[in-house]
PDB file of N, CA and C in Angstrom:
ATOM      1  N   MET A   1      95.906  83.081 214.484  1.00  0.00           N
ATOM      2  CA  MET A   1      96.209  83.300 215.880  1.00  0.00           C
ATOM      3  C   MET A   1      97.537  84.045 215.964  1.00  0.00           C
ATOM      4  N   PRO A   2      97.587  85.117 216.773  1.00  0.00           N
ATOM      5  CA  PRO A   2      98.852  85.856 216.896  1.00  0.00           C
ATOM      6  C   PRO A   2      99.963  84.984 217.462  1.00  0.00           C
ATOM      7  N   ARG A   3     101.139  85.190 216.968  1.00  0.00           N
ATOM      8  CA  ARG A   3     102.299  84.421 217.418  1.00  0.00           C
ATOM      9  C   ARG A   3     103.108  85.285 218.371  1.00  0.00           C
ATOM     10  N   GLN A   4     103.564  84.695 219.463  1.00  0.00           N
ATOM     11  CA  GLN A   4     104.322  85.409 220.485  1.00  0.00           C
ATOM     12  C   GLN A   4     105.612  84.648 220.779  1.00  0.00           C
ATOM     13  N   SER A   5     106.572  85.382 221.241  1.00  0.00           N
ATOM     14  CA  SER A   5     107.811  84.778 221.702  1.00  0.00           C
ATOM     15  C   SER A   5     107.954  85.139 223.171  1.00  0.00           C
ATOM     16  N   ILE A   6     108.051  84.122 224.025  1.00  0.00           N
ATOM     17  CA  ILE A   6     108.198  84.369 225.453  1.00  0.00           C
ATOM     18  C   ILE A   6     109.337  83.519 226.004  1.00  0.00           C
ATOM     19  N   SER A   7     109.881  83.965 227.123  1.00  0.00           N
ATOM     20  CA  SER A   7     110.958  83.238 227.779  1.00  0.00           C
ATOM     21  C   SER A   7     110.471  82.717 229.114  1.00  0.00           C
ATOM     22  N   PHE A   8     110.983  81.552 229.503  1.00  0.00           N
ATOM     23  CA  PHE A   8     110.622  80.930 230.766  1.00  0.00           C
ATOM     24  C   PHE A   8     111.872  80.716 231.608  1.00  0.00           C
ATOM     25  N   THR A   9     111.686  80.721 232.918  1.00  0.00           N
ATOM     26  CA  THR A   9     112.787  80.333 233.786  1.00  0.00           C
ATOM     27  C   THR A   9     113.026  78.844 233.569  1.00  0.00           C
ATOM     28  N   LYS A  10     114.194  78.371 233.934  1.00  0.00           N
ATOM     29  CA  LYS A  10     114.529  76.960 233.731  1.00  0.00           C
ATOM     30  C   LYS A  10     113.532  76.027 234.415  1.00  0.00           C
ATOM     31  N   PRO A  11     113.170  76.271 235.708  1.00  0.00           N
ATOM     32  CA  PRO A  11     112.196  75.357 236.337  1.00  0.00           C
ATOM     33  C   PRO A  11     110.836  75.357 235.627  1.00  0.00           C
ATOM     34  N   ASN A  12     110.395  76.537 235.177  1.00  0.00           N
ATOM     35  CA  ASN A  12     109.115  76.588 234.485  1.00  0.00           C
ATOM     36  C   ASN A  12     109.183  75.894 233.132  1.00  0.00           C
ATOM     37  N   ASP A  13     110.286  76.070 232.420  1.00  0.00           N
ATOM     38  CA  ASP A  13     110.443  75.401 231.132  1.00  0.00           C
ATOM     39  C   ASP A  13     110.474  73.886 231.308  1.00  0.00           C
ATOM     40  N   GLU A  14     111.172  73.432 232.339  1.00  0.00           N
ATOM     41  CA  GLU A  14     111.232  71.988 232.597  1.00  0.00           C
ATOM     42  C   GLU A  14     109.848  71.443 232.941  1.00  0.00           C
ATOM     43  N   TRP A  15     109.078  72.200 233.727  1.00  0.00           N
ATOM     44  CA  TRP A  15     107.720  71.764 234.070  1.00  0.00           C
ATOM     45  C   TRP A  15     106.850  71.693 232.812  1.00  0.00           C
ATOM     46  N   LEU A  16     106.953  72.700 231.951  1.00  0.00           N
ATOM     47  CA  LEU A  16     106.199  72.690 230.699  1.00  0.00           C
ATOM     48  C   LEU A  16     106.565  71.467 229.852  1.00  0.00           C
ATOM     49  N   LYS A  17     107.863  71.214 229.729  1.00  0.00           N
ATOM     50  CA  LYS A  17     108.326  70.054 228.949  1.00  0.00           C
ATOM     51  C   LYS A  17     107.782  68.755 229.534  1.00  0.00           C
ATOM     52  N   THR A  18     107.772  68.642 230.861  1.00  0.00           N
ATOM     53  CA  THR A  18     107.255  67.436 231.515  1.00  0.00           C
ATOM     54  C   THR A  18     105.783  67.216 231.179  1.00  0.00           C
ATOM     55  N   GLN A  19     105.013  68.303 231.196  1.00  0.00           N
ATOM     56  CA  GLN A  19     103.588  68.190 230.883  1.00  0.00           C
ATOM     57  C   GLN A  19     103.368  67.730 229.445  1.00  0.00           C
ATOM     58  N   VAL A  20     104.156  68.271 228.535  1.00  0.00           N
ATOM     59  CA  VAL A  20     104.044  67.885 227.123  1.00  0.00           C
ATOM     60  C   VAL A  20     104.537  66.454 226.931  1.00  0.00           C
ATOM     61  N   ASP A  21     105.650  66.105 227.574  1.00  0.00           N
ATOM     62  CA  ASP A  21     106.199  64.754 227.452  1.00  0.00           C
ATOM     63  C   ASP A  21     105.251  63.697 228.007  1.00  0.00           C
ATOM     64  N   SER A  22     104.474  64.069 229.011  1.00  0.00           N
ATOM     65  CA  SER A  22     103.532  63.106 229.600  1.00  0.00           C
ATOM     66  C   SER A  22     102.250  62.985 228.784  1.00  0.00           C
ATOM     67  N   LYS A  23     102.210  63.691 227.668  1.00  0.00           N
ATOM     68  CA  LYS A  23     101.053  63.675 226.753  1.00  0.00           C
ATOM     69  C   LYS A  23      99.825  64.340 227.361  1.00  0.00           C
ATOM     70  N   GLU A  24     100.027  65.097 228.456  1.00  0.00           N
ATOM     71  CA  GLU A  24      98.921  65.857 229.053  1.00  0.00           C
ATOM     72  C   GLU A  24      98.482  66.949 228.082  1.00  0.00           C
ATOM     73  N   TYR A  25      99.456  67.522 227.382  1.00  0.00           N
ATOM     74  CA  TYR A  25      99.204  68.550 226.362  1.00  0.00           C
ATOM     75  C   TYR A  25     100.045  68.204 225.142  1.00  0.00           C
ATOM     76  N   SER A  26      99.590  68.655 223.998  1.00  0.00           N
ATOM     77  CA  SER A  26     100.332  68.333 222.776  1.00  0.00           C
ATOM     78  C   SER A  26     101.471  69.312 222.505  1.00  0.00           C
ATOM     79  N   SER A  27     101.424  70.486 223.134  1.00  0.00           N
ATOM     80  CA  SER A  27     102.485  71.468 222.932  1.00  0.00           C
ATOM     81  C   SER A  27     102.524  72.449 224.100  1.00  0.00           C
ATOM     82  N   LYS A  28     103.633  73.160 224.189  1.00  0.00           N
ATOM     83  CA  LYS A  28     103.739  74.192 225.216  1.00  0.00           C
ATOM     84  C   LYS A  28     102.691  75.278 224.980  1.00  0.00           C
ATOM     85  N   SER A  29     102.439  75.591 223.720  1.00  0.00           N
ATOM     86  CA  SER A  29     101.445  76.620 223.403  1.00  0.00           C
ATOM     87  C   SER A  29     100.069  76.242 223.922  1.00  0.00           C
ATOM     88  N   GLU A  30      99.687  74.993 223.714  1.00  0.00           N
ATOM     89  CA  GLU A  30      98.387  74.524 224.202  1.00  0.00           C
ATOM     90  C   GLU A  30      98.320  74.652 225.726  1.00  0.00           C
ATOM     91  N   LEU A  31      99.390  74.273 226.392  1.00  0.00           N
ATOM     92  CA  LEU A  31      99.440  74.343 227.851  1.00  0.00           C
ATOM     93  C   LEU A  31      99.366  75.787 228.341  1.00  0.00           C
ATOM     94  N   VAL A  32     100.138  76.674 227.737  1.00  0.00           N
ATOM     95  CA  VAL A  32     100.130  78.076 228.151  1.00  0.00           C
ATOM     96  C   VAL A  32      98.749  78.678 227.918  1.00  0.00           C
ATOM     97  N   ASN A  33      98.119  78.381 226.785  1.00  0.00           N
ATOM     98  CA  ASN A  33      96.765  78.876 226.532  1.00  0.00           C
ATOM     99  C   ASN A  33      95.779  78.353 227.565  1.00  0.00           C
ATOM    100  N   ASP A  34      95.914  77.090 227.970  1.00  0.00           N
ATOM    101  CA  ASP A  34      95.033  76.529 228.994  1.00  0.00           C
ATOM    102  C   ASP A  34      95.250  77.225 230.337  1.00  0.00           C
ATOM    103  N   LEU A  35      96.499  77.474 230.689  1.00  0.00           N
ATOM    104  CA  LEU A  35      96.796  78.178 231.936  1.00  0.00           C
ATOM    105  C   LEU A  35      96.208  79.587 231.926  1.00  0.00           C
ATOM    106  N   ILE A  36      96.279  80.255 230.791  1.00  0.00           N
ATOM    107  CA  ILE A  36      95.713  81.601 230.683  1.00  0.00           C
ATOM    108  C   ILE A  36      94.192  81.543 230.811  1.00  0.00           C
ATOM    109  N   ARG A  37      93.555  80.561 230.174  1.00  0.00           N
ATOM    110  CA  ARG A  37      92.097  80.405 230.307  1.00  0.00           C
ATOM    111  C   ARG A  37      91.708  80.189 231.759  1.00  0.00           C
ATOM    112  N   GLN A  38      92.461  79.334 232.457  1.00  0.00           N
ATOM    113  CA  GLN A  38      92.183  79.085 233.875  1.00  0.00           C
ATOM    114  C   GLN A  38      92.353  80.360 234.700  1.00  0.00           C
ATOM    115  N   ALA A  39      93.390  81.125 234.421  1.00  0.00           N
ATOM    116  CA  ALA A  39      93.627  82.368 235.157  1.00  0.00           C
ATOM    117  C   ALA A  39      92.515  83.376 234.888  1.00  0.00           C
ATOM    118  N   ARG A  40      92.051  83.446 233.649  1.00  0.00           N
ATOM    119  CA  ARG A  40      90.958  84.363 233.312  1.00  0.00           C
ATOM    120  C   ARG A  40      89.685  83.954 234.031  1.00  0.00           C
ATOM    121  N   LYS A  41      89.391  82.665 234.061  1.00  0.00           N
ATOM    122  CA  LYS A  41      88.197  82.181 234.756  1.00  0.00           C
ATOM    123  C   LYS A  41      88.303  82.481 236.256  1.00  0.00           C
ATOM    124  N   GLN A  42      89.476  82.252 236.810  1.00  0.00           N
ATOM    125  CA  GLN A  42      89.685  82.520 238.233  1.00  0.00           C
ATOM    126  C   GLN A  42      89.494  84.007 238.524  1.00  0.00           C
ATOM    127  N   GLN A  43      89.960  84.879 237.626  1.00  0.00           N
ATOM    128  CA  GLN A  43      89.804  86.315 237.836  1.00  0.00           C
ATOM    129  C   GLN A  43      88.331  86.713 237.824  1.00  0.00           C
ATOM    130  N   ILE A  44      87.542  86.094 236.954  1.00  0.00           N
ATOM    131  CA  ILE A  44      86.096  86.353 236.921  1.00  0.00           C
ATOM    132  C   ILE A  44      85.476  85.957 238.253  1.00  0.00           C
ATOM    133  N   GLU A  45      85.885  84.807 238.775  1.00  0.00           N
ATOM    134  CA  GLU A  45      85.352  84.329 240.050  1.00  0.00           C
ATOM    135  C   GLU A  45      85.742  85.262 241.194  1.00  0.00           C
ATOM    136  N   VAL A  46      86.993  85.702 241.201  1.00  0.00           N
ATOM    137  CA  VAL A  46      87.472  86.616 242.243  1.00  0.00           C
ATOM    138  C   VAL A  46      86.703  87.938 242.164  1.00  0.00           C
ATOM    139  N   ASN A  47      86.513  88.437 240.954  1.00  0.00           N
ATOM    140  CA  ASN A  47      85.768  89.690 240.778  1.00  0.00           C
ATOM    141  C   ASN A  47      84.334  89.544 241.278  1.00  0.00           C
ATOM    142  N   TRP A  48      83.709  88.400 241.018  1.00  0.00           N
ATOM    143  CA  TRP A  48      82.327  88.165 241.469  1.00  0.00           C
ATOM    144  C   TRP A  48      82.271  88.162 242.998  1.00  0.00           C
ATOM    145  N   ILE A  49      83.194  87.446 243.619  1.00  0.00           N
ATOM    146  CA  ILE A  49      83.224  87.386 245.084  1.00  0.00           C
ATOM    147  C   ILE A  49      83.503  88.778 245.661  1.00  0.00           C
ATOM    148  N   ARG A  50      84.436  89.495 245.055  1.00  0.00           N
ATOM    149  CA  ARG A  50      84.760  90.844 245.523  1.00  0.00           C
ATOM    150  C   ARG A  50      83.524  91.753 245.432  1.00  0.00           C
ATOM    151  N   ALA A  51      82.800  91.664 244.331  1.00  0.00           N
ATOM    152  CA  ALA A  51      81.589  92.482 244.171  1.00  0.00           C
ATOM    153  C   ALA A  51      80.559  92.134 245.237  1.00  0.00           C
ATOM    154  N   LYS A  52      80.394  90.844 245.531  1.00  0.00           N
ATOM    155  CA  LYS A  52      79.454  90.417 246.571  1.00  0.00           C
ATOM    156  C   LYS A  52      79.869  90.980 247.930  1.00  0.00           C
ATOM    157  N   LEU A  53      81.159  90.894 248.231  1.00  0.00           N
ATOM    158  CA  LEU A  53      81.651  91.407 249.510  1.00  0.00           C
ATOM    159  C   LEU A  53      81.469  92.923 249.614  1.00  0.00           C
ATOM    160  N   GLU A  54      81.780  93.628 248.512  1.00  0.00           N
ATOM    161  CA  GLU A  54      81.614  95.083 248.528  1.00  0.00           C
ATOM    162  C   GLU A  54      80.151  95.464 248.704  1.00  0.00           C
ATOM    163  N   LYS A  55      79.270  94.743 248.023  1.00  0.00           N
ATOM    164  CA  LYS A  55      77.831  95.012 248.154  1.00  0.00           C
ATOM    165  C   LYS A  55      77.386  94.774 249.590  1.00  0.00           C
ATOM    166  N   ALA A  56      77.843  93.680 250.184  1.00  0.00           N
ATOM    167  CA  ALA A  56      77.474  93.372 251.564  1.00  0.00           C
ATOM    168  C   ALA A  56      78.018  94.429 252.517  1.00  0.00           C
ATOM    169  N   GLU A  57      79.246  94.868 252.288  1.00  0.00           N
ATOM    170  CA  GLU A  57      79.832  95.898 253.141  1.00  0.00           C
ATOM    171  C   GLU A  57      79.065  97.220 253.013  1.00  0.00           C
ATOM    172  N   ASP A  58      78.693  97.564 251.780  1.00  0.00           N
ATOM    173  CA  ASP A  58      77.969  98.817 251.549  1.00  0.00           C
ATOM    174  C   ASP A  58      76.568  98.787 252.157  1.00  0.00           C
ATOM    175  N   ASN A  59      75.949  97.619 252.157  1.00  0.00           N
ATOM    176  CA  ASN A  59      74.583  97.490 252.651  1.00  0.00           C
ATOM    177  C   ASN A  59      74.513  97.025 254.099  1.00  0.00           C
ATOM    178  N   GLY A  60      75.627  96.735 254.674  1.00  0.00           N
ATOM    179  CA  GLY A  60      75.629  96.256 256.052  1.00  0.00           C
ATOM    180  C   GLY A  60      75.525  94.741 256.104  1.00  0.00           C
ATOM    181  N   PHE A  61      74.500  94.197 255.511  1.00  0.00           N
ATOM    182  CA  PHE A  61      74.299  92.748 255.478  1.00  0.00           C
ATOM    183  C   PHE A  61      73.648  92.372 254.159  1.00  0.00           C
ATOM    184  N   THR A  62      73.776  91.127 253.796  1.00  0.00           N
ATOM    185  CA  THR A  62      73.106  90.626 252.605  1.00  0.00           C
ATOM    186  C   THR A  62      71.848  89.884 253.023  1.00  0.00           C
ATOM    187  N   SER A  63      70.863  89.899 252.153  1.00  0.00           N
ATOM    188  CA  SER A  63      69.626  89.173 252.446  1.00  0.00           C
ATOM    189  C   SER A  63      69.738  87.709 252.035  1.00  0.00           C
ATOM    190  N   GLU A  64      70.831  87.365 251.332  1.00  0.00           N
ATOM    191  CA  GLU A  64      71.012  85.985 250.895  1.00  0.00           C
ATOM    192  C   GLU A  64      71.565  85.139 252.045  1.00  0.00           C
ATOM    193  N   SER A  65      71.119  83.902 252.086  1.00  0.00           N
ATOM    194  CA  SER A  65      71.614  82.994 253.119  1.00  0.00           C
ATOM    195  C   SER A  65      73.004  82.489 252.746  1.00  0.00           C
ATOM    196  N   LYS A  66      73.696  81.912 253.710  1.00  0.00           N
ATOM    197  CA  LYS A  66      75.009  81.320 253.439  1.00  0.00           C
ATOM    198  C   LYS A  66      74.887  80.248 252.357  1.00  0.00           C
ATOM    199  N   ASN A  67      73.796  79.469 252.436  1.00  0.00           N
ATOM    200  CA  ASN A  67      73.602  78.408 251.443  1.00  0.00           C
ATOM    201  C   ASN A  67      73.378  78.976 250.047  1.00  0.00           C
ATOM    202  N   ASP A  68      72.651  80.107 249.947  1.00  0.00           N
ATOM    203  CA  ASP A  68      72.439  80.742 248.644  1.00  0.00           C
ATOM    204  C   ASP A  68      73.767  81.216 248.050  1.00  0.00           C
ATOM    205  N   ILE A  69      74.568  81.869 248.890  1.00  0.00           N
ATOM    206  CA  ILE A  69      75.854  82.368 248.417  1.00  0.00           C
ATOM    207  C   ILE A  69      76.773  81.215 248.037  1.00  0.00           C
ATOM    208  N   LEU A  70      76.772  80.164 248.836  1.00  0.00           N
ATOM    209  CA  LEU A  70      77.592  78.988 248.530  1.00  0.00           C
ATOM    210  C   LEU A  70      77.146  78.353 247.219  1.00  0.00           C
ATOM    211  N   ALA A  71      75.837  78.218 247.019  1.00  0.00           N
ATOM    212  CA  ALA A  71      75.315  77.614 245.785  1.00  0.00           C
ATOM    213  C   ALA A  71      75.704  78.458 244.577  1.00  0.00           C
ATOM    214  N   GLN A  72      75.612  79.771 244.702  1.00  0.00           N
ATOM    215  CA  GLN A  72      75.998  80.656 243.600  1.00  0.00           C
ATOM    216  C   GLN A  72      77.495  80.532 243.308  1.00  0.00           C
ATOM    217  N   SER A  73      78.287  80.457 244.358  1.00  0.00           N
ATOM    218  CA  SER A  73      79.744  80.314 244.187  1.00  0.00           C
ATOM    219  C   SER A  73      80.076  79.014 243.483  1.00  0.00           C
ATOM    220  N   LYS A  74      79.453  77.938 243.902  1.00  0.00           N
ATOM    221  CA  LYS A  74      79.708  76.632 243.274  1.00  0.00           C
ATOM    222  C   LYS A  74      79.259  76.630 241.833  1.00  0.00           C
ATOM    223  N   SER A  75      78.131  77.274 241.553  1.00  0.00           N
ATOM    224  CA  SER A  75      77.636  77.356 240.189  1.00  0.00           C
ATOM    225  C   SER A  75      78.614  78.094 239.297  1.00  0.00           C
ATOM    226  N   LEU A  76      79.152  79.193 239.818  1.00  0.00           N
ATOM    227  CA  LEU A  76      80.132  79.960 239.058  1.00  0.00           C
ATOM    228  C   LEU A  76      81.403  79.162 238.822  1.00  0.00           C
ATOM    229  N   LEU A  77      81.850  78.446 239.847  1.00  0.00           N
ATOM    230  CA  LEU A  77      83.069  77.642 239.713  1.00  0.00           C
ATOM    231  C   LEU A  77      82.900  76.505 238.720  1.00  0.00           C
ATOM    232  N   ASN A  78      81.714  75.924 238.680  1.00  0.00           N
ATOM    233  CA  ASN A  78      81.459  74.794 237.789  1.00  0.00           C
ATOM    234  C   ASN A  78      81.029  75.209 236.403  1.00  0.00           C
ATOM    235  N   GLY A  79      80.885  76.501 236.208  1.00  0.00           N
ATOM    236  CA  GLY A  79      80.566  77.075 234.897  1.00  0.00           C
ATOM    237  C   GLY A  79      79.297  76.586 234.373  1.00  0.00           C
TER     238      GLY A  79
END
């Protein structure tokens, strides 16, 4: 795994230390990797919603019901 050196602001470093001290994560690296995974997943979800909105805008309306779109959104969020 590539090794990186990064700097944190004092409040962010203290928050990271608190998470590790509470045994929520075993290290800052584990926590940062988890945060990045969450951000990547969120970006996929945002891109999916954006694509749906663009498609609806381009076509005027979608043929899917609100419940269909909601079910698809929940499915994506729950992986």
